[in-house]
Amino acid sequence: MSKRTEQIRELLAPVVNDMGYELWGIEYLQGRGAVLRLYIDHEAGITVDDCVAVSHEVSGVLDVEDPIPGEYNLEVSSPGMDRPLFELSQFERYLGEQVQLKLLAPVAGKRKMMATLVAVDGDTLVVMLNGDTLRIPYSQVDRARLEPRFD
């Protein structure tokens, strides 16, 4: 997580939590048409009204604290069925599930893979890929998403 997204998380997590939601993750996409995307979650699910309410609350905080220079669009969303995974603790919730991983450096000759999450061992993800057990340092994970199941 970048220093900026960590700073934004520290600023906004208490606001989102006080509203009864979990701040699942943050993405900040820089450049022309910059976007600050907040993913919120709740055990009962997320509705459009939930996203609107959180957007309204955090907009005020962002306007006052101004942690991002320049213009950007704020998006508030549910993580969805193919939820991005931002922290090791989130991986622990989905042991036994399929995850899509994009790595910074190849592991077993692959930078992109769909594997079964077997365990989280300290700062290492243990996955099963084509019958092989791989140990992937979390620091090598660029992006991760849960693969939705439709059963």
C-alpha atoms as a PDB file:
ATOM      1  CA  MET A   1       0.000   0.000   0.000  1.00  0.00           C
ATOM      2  CA  SER A   2       1.389   3.376  -0.952  1.00  0.00           C
ATOM      3  CA  LYS A   3       2.075   6.030   1.641  1.00  0.00           C
ATOM      4  CA  ARG A   4      -0.774   8.170   0.252  1.00  0.00           C
ATOM      5  CA  THR A   5      -3.378   5.371   0.396  1.00  0.00           C
ATOM      6  CA  GLU A   6      -2.223   4.460   3.910  1.00  0.00           C
ATOM      7  CA  GLN A   7      -2.656   8.100   4.968  1.00  0.00           C
ATOM      8  CA  ILE A   8      -6.139   8.195   3.405  1.00  0.00           C
ATOM      9  CA  ARG A   9      -7.054   4.896   5.111  1.00  0.00           C
ATOM     10  CA  GLU A  10      -6.024   6.289   8.508  1.00  0.00           C
ATOM     11  CA  LEU A  11      -8.100   9.400   7.831  1.00  0.00           C
ATOM     12  CA  LEU A  12     -11.262   7.697   6.532  1.00  0.00           C
ATOM     13  CA  ALA A  13     -11.451   4.309   8.295  1.00  0.00           C
ATOM     14  CA  PRO A  14     -12.788   5.798  11.562  1.00  0.00           C
ATOM     15  CA  VAL A  15     -15.497   7.695   9.649  1.00  0.00           C
ATOM     16  CA  VAL A  16     -16.573   4.618   7.681  1.00  0.00           C
ATOM     17  CA  ASN A  17     -16.416   2.376  10.782  1.00  0.00           C
ATOM     18  CA  ASP A  18     -18.506   4.840  12.811  1.00  0.00           C
ATOM     19  CA  MET A  19     -21.184   4.549  10.120  1.00  0.00           C
ATOM     20  CA  GLY A  20     -21.274   0.768  10.665  1.00  0.00           C
ATOM     21  CA  TYR A  21     -19.279  -0.274   7.601  1.00  0.00           C
ATOM     22  CA  GLU A  22     -15.833  -1.733   7.052  1.00  0.00           C
ATOM     23  CA  LEU A  23     -13.396   0.146   4.837  1.00  0.00           C
ATOM     24  CA  TRP A  24     -12.372  -2.872   2.757  1.00  0.00           C
ATOM     25  CA  GLY A  25      -9.792  -1.110   0.630  1.00  0.00           C
ATOM     26  CA  ILE A  26      -8.648   1.987  -1.213  1.00  0.00           C
ATOM     27  CA  GLU A  27      -7.376   2.514  -4.742  1.00  0.00           C
ATOM     28  CA  TYR A  28      -5.936   5.809  -5.891  1.00  0.00           C
ATOM     29  CA  LEU A  29      -5.474   6.037  -9.656  1.00  0.00           C
ATOM     30  CA  GLN A  30      -3.399   9.060 -10.566  1.00  0.00           C
ATOM     31  CA  GLY A  31      -3.172  10.976 -13.783  1.00  0.00           C
ATOM     32  CA  ARG A  32      -5.708  12.698 -15.952  1.00  0.00           C
ATOM     33  CA  GLY A  33      -9.128  11.894 -14.548  1.00  0.00           C
ATOM     34  CA  ALA A  34      -7.666  10.778 -11.204  1.00  0.00           C
ATOM     35  CA  VAL A  35      -9.917   8.508  -9.119  1.00  0.00           C
ATOM     36  CA  LEU A  36     -10.055   7.784  -5.405  1.00  0.00           C
ATOM     37  CA  ARG A  37     -12.014   4.536  -5.058  1.00  0.00           C
ATOM     38  CA  LEU A  38     -13.190   3.336  -1.646  1.00  0.00           C
ATOM     39  CA  TYR A  39     -14.503  -0.189  -1.191  1.00  0.00           C
ATOM     40  CA  ILE A  40     -16.867  -0.592   1.746  1.00  0.00           C
ATOM     41  CA  ASP A  41     -18.333  -3.782   3.155  1.00  0.00           C
ATOM     42  CA  HIS A  42     -20.991  -4.892   5.620  1.00  0.00           C
ATOM     43  CA  GLU A  43     -22.151  -8.337   6.667  1.00  0.00           C
ATOM     44  CA  ALA A  44     -25.640  -7.575   5.278  1.00  0.00           C
ATOM     45  CA  GLY A  45     -24.186  -6.451   1.937  1.00  0.00           C
ATOM     46  CA  ILE A  46     -23.882  -3.014   0.376  1.00  0.00           C
ATOM     47  CA  THR A  47     -26.568  -1.033  -1.437  1.00  0.00           C
ATOM     48  CA  VAL A  48     -26.366   2.075  -3.600  1.00  0.00           C
ATOM     49  CA  ASP A  49     -27.826   4.040  -0.674  1.00  0.00           C
ATOM     50  CA  ASP A  50     -24.944   2.838   1.527  1.00  0.00           C
ATOM     51  CA  CYS A  51     -22.432   4.051  -1.056  1.00  0.00           C
ATOM     52  CA  VAL A  52     -24.172   7.430  -1.304  1.00  0.00           C
ATOM     53  CA  ALA A  53     -24.199   7.875   2.484  1.00  0.00           C
ATOM     54  CA  VAL A  54     -20.512   7.008   2.834  1.00  0.00           C
ATOM     55  CA  SER A  55     -19.595   9.197  -0.133  1.00  0.00           C
ATOM     56  CA  HIS A  56     -21.378  12.146   1.471  1.00  0.00           C
ATOM     57  CA  GLU A  57     -19.622  11.669   4.828  1.00  0.00           C
ATOM     58  CA  VAL A  58     -16.109  11.107   3.514  1.00  0.00           C
ATOM     59  CA  SER A  59     -16.391  13.961   0.982  1.00  0.00           C
ATOM     60  CA  GLY A  60     -16.652  16.402   3.869  1.00  0.00           C
ATOM     61  CA  VAL A  61     -13.571  14.947   5.547  1.00  0.00           C
ATOM     62  CA  LEU A  62     -11.616  14.959   2.281  1.00  0.00           C
ATOM     63  CA  ASP A  63     -12.597  18.572   1.600  1.00  0.00           C
ATOM     64  CA  VAL A  64     -11.380  19.693   5.027  1.00  0.00           C
ATOM     65  CA  GLU A  65      -8.214  17.569   5.287  1.00  0.00           C
ATOM     66  CA  ASP A  66      -7.331  17.782   1.553  1.00  0.00           C
ATOM     67  CA  PRO A  67      -4.944  14.757   1.452  1.00  0.00           C
ATOM     68  CA  ILE A  68      -4.869  14.679  -2.362  1.00  0.00           C
ATOM     69  CA  PRO A  69      -3.614  17.667  -4.344  1.00  0.00           C
ATOM     70  CA  GLY A  70      -5.520  18.545  -7.488  1.00  0.00           C
ATOM     71  CA  GLU A  71      -8.783  17.251  -8.833  1.00  0.00           C
ATOM     72  CA  TYR A  72     -10.023  13.671  -8.576  1.00  0.00           C
ATOM     73  CA  ASN A  73     -13.288  11.759  -8.662  1.00  0.00           C
ATOM     74  CA  LEU A  74     -14.464   9.954  -5.535  1.00  0.00           C
ATOM     75  CA  GLU A  75     -16.069   6.547  -6.057  1.00  0.00           C
ATOM     76  CA  VAL A  76     -17.556   4.446  -3.263  1.00  0.00           C
ATOM     77  CA  SER A  77     -18.325   0.842  -4.102  1.00  0.00           C
ATOM     78  CA  SER A  78     -18.955  -2.629  -2.760  1.00  0.00           C
ATOM     79  CA  PRO A  79     -15.974  -4.959  -3.226  1.00  0.00           C
ATOM     80  CA  GLY A  80     -18.342  -7.250  -5.162  1.00  0.00           C
ATOM     81  CA  MET A  81     -18.084 -10.971  -5.702  1.00  0.00           C
ATOM     82  CA  ASP A  82     -14.645 -10.692  -7.329  1.00  0.00           C
ATOM     83  CA  ARG A  83     -13.449  -8.560  -4.460  1.00  0.00           C
ATOM     84  CA  PRO A  84      -9.939  -7.189  -4.494  1.00  0.00           C
ATOM     85  CA  LEU A  85      -7.818  -8.287  -1.550  1.00  0.00           C
ATOM     86  CA  PHE A  86      -5.737  -5.527   0.007  1.00  0.00           C
ATOM     87  CA  GLU A  87      -4.349  -6.975   3.262  1.00  0.00           C
ATOM     88  CA  LEU A  88      -3.082 -10.318   4.567  1.00  0.00           C
ATOM     89  CA  SER A  89      -5.969 -10.503   7.047  1.00  0.00           C
ATOM     90  CA  GLN A  90      -8.389 -10.458   4.096  1.00  0.00           C
ATOM     91  CA  PHE A  91      -6.671 -13.475   2.537  1.00  0.00           C
ATOM     92  CA  GLU A  92      -7.140 -15.377   5.801  1.00  0.00           C
ATOM     93  CA  ARG A  93     -10.926 -14.985   5.450  1.00  0.00           C
ATOM     94  CA  TYR A  94     -10.900 -16.840   2.122  1.00  0.00           C
ATOM     95  CA  LEU A  95      -8.781 -19.930   2.724  1.00  0.00           C
ATOM     96  CA  GLY A  96      -9.811 -22.696   0.316  1.00  0.00           C
ATOM     97  CA  GLU A  97     -11.038 -20.203  -2.287  1.00  0.00           C
ATOM     98  CA  GLN A  98      -9.666 -19.465  -5.756  1.00  0.00           C
ATOM     99  CA  VAL A  99      -7.719 -16.216  -6.080  1.00  0.00           C
ATOM    100  CA  GLN A 100      -6.372 -14.369  -9.097  1.00  0.00           C
ATOM    101  CA  LEU A 101      -2.872 -13.109  -8.406  1.00  0.00           C
ATOM    102  CA  LYS A 102      -0.726 -10.647 -10.329  1.00  0.00           C
ATOM    103  CA  LEU A 103       2.833 -10.718  -9.027  1.00  0.00           C
ATOM    104  CA  LEU A 104       5.684  -8.221  -9.198  1.00  0.00           C
ATOM    105  CA  ALA A 105       8.158 -10.995 -10.048  1.00  0.00           C
ATOM    106  CA  PRO A 106       7.550 -14.511 -11.393  1.00  0.00           C
ATOM    107  CA  VAL A 107       6.990 -17.422  -9.032  1.00  0.00           C
ATOM    108  CA  ALA A 108       7.279 -20.850 -10.685  1.00  0.00           C
ATOM    109  CA  GLY A 109       7.691 -18.963 -13.965  1.00  0.00           C
ATOM    110  CA  LYS A 110       4.370 -17.109 -13.680  1.00  0.00           C
ATOM    111  CA  ARG A 111       3.483 -13.504 -12.914  1.00  0.00           C
ATOM    112  CA  LYS A 112      -0.272 -14.091 -13.303  1.00  0.00           C
ATOM    113  CA  MET A 113      -2.067 -17.081 -11.883  1.00  0.00           C
ATOM    114  CA  MET A 114      -5.362 -18.433 -10.614  1.00  0.00           C
ATOM    115  CA  ALA A 115      -4.679 -20.635  -7.595  1.00  0.00           C
ATOM    116  CA  THR A 116      -6.371 -22.047  -4.511  1.00  0.00           C
ATOM    117  CA  LEU A 117      -5.471 -20.205  -1.337  1.00  0.00           C
ATOM    118  CA  VAL A 118      -4.287 -22.842   1.137  1.00  0.00           C
ATOM    119  CA  ALA A 119      -2.824 -20.814   4.015  1.00  0.00           C
ATOM    120  CA  VAL A 120      -1.319 -17.559   5.163  1.00  0.00           C
ATOM    121  CA  ASP A 121       1.995 -18.281   6.879  1.00  0.00           C
ATOM    122  CA  GLY A 122       3.334 -15.085   8.413  1.00  0.00           C
ATOM    123  CA  ASP A 123       3.946 -12.762   5.454  1.00  0.00           C
ATOM    124  CA  THR A 124       3.650 -15.574   2.899  1.00  0.00           C
ATOM    125  CA  LEU A 125       0.679 -16.834   0.901  1.00  0.00           C
ATOM    126  CA  VAL A 126       0.565 -20.587   0.395  1.00  0.00           C
ATOM    127  CA  VAL A 127      -1.338 -21.528  -2.760  1.00  0.00           C
ATOM    128  CA  MET A 128      -2.049 -24.675  -4.749  1.00  0.00           C
ATOM    129  CA  LEU A 129      -1.508 -24.375  -8.492  1.00  0.00           C
ATOM    130  CA  ASN A 130      -1.923 -27.396 -10.762  1.00  0.00           C
ATOM    131  CA  GLY A 131      -1.177 -29.773  -7.882  1.00  0.00           C
ATOM    132  CA  ASP A 132       1.942 -27.862  -6.779  1.00  0.00           C
ATOM    133  CA  THR A 133       2.180 -25.951  -3.504  1.00  0.00           C
ATOM    134  CA  LEU A 134       3.731 -22.516  -3.964  1.00  0.00           C
ATOM    135  CA  ARG A 135       4.871 -20.064  -1.312  1.00  0.00           C
ATOM    136  CA  ILE A 136       4.470 -16.466  -2.423  1.00  0.00           C
ATOM    137  CA  PRO A 137       5.853 -13.624  -0.313  1.00  0.00           C
ATOM    138  CA  TYR A 138       3.053 -11.105   0.186  1.00  0.00           C
ATOM    139  CA  SER A 139       5.495  -8.345  -0.756  1.00  0.00           C
ATOM    140  CA  GLN A 140       5.527  -9.825  -4.295  1.00  0.00           C
ATOM    141  CA  VAL A 141       1.741  -9.492  -4.758  1.00  0.00           C
ATOM    142  CA  ASP A 142       0.859  -6.552  -6.988  1.00  0.00           C
ATOM    143  CA  ARG A 143      -2.876  -7.279  -7.163  1.00  0.00           C
ATOM    144  CA  ALA A 144      -5.177  -9.995  -5.895  1.00  0.00           C
ATOM    145  CA  ARG A 145      -8.856 -10.735  -6.433  1.00  0.00           C
ATOM    146  CA  LEU A 146     -11.187 -13.398  -5.202  1.00  0.00           C
ATOM    147  CA  GLU A 147     -12.546 -15.579  -8.003  1.00  0.00           C
ATOM    148  CA  PRO A 148     -16.350 -15.674  -7.669  1.00  0.00           C
ATOM    149  CA  ARG A 149     -18.062 -19.042  -7.162  1.00  0.00           C
ATOM    150  CA  PHE A 150     -21.450 -19.698  -8.670  1.00  0.00           C
ATOM    151  CA  ASP A 151     -22.676 -22.893  -7.013  1.00  0.00           C
END
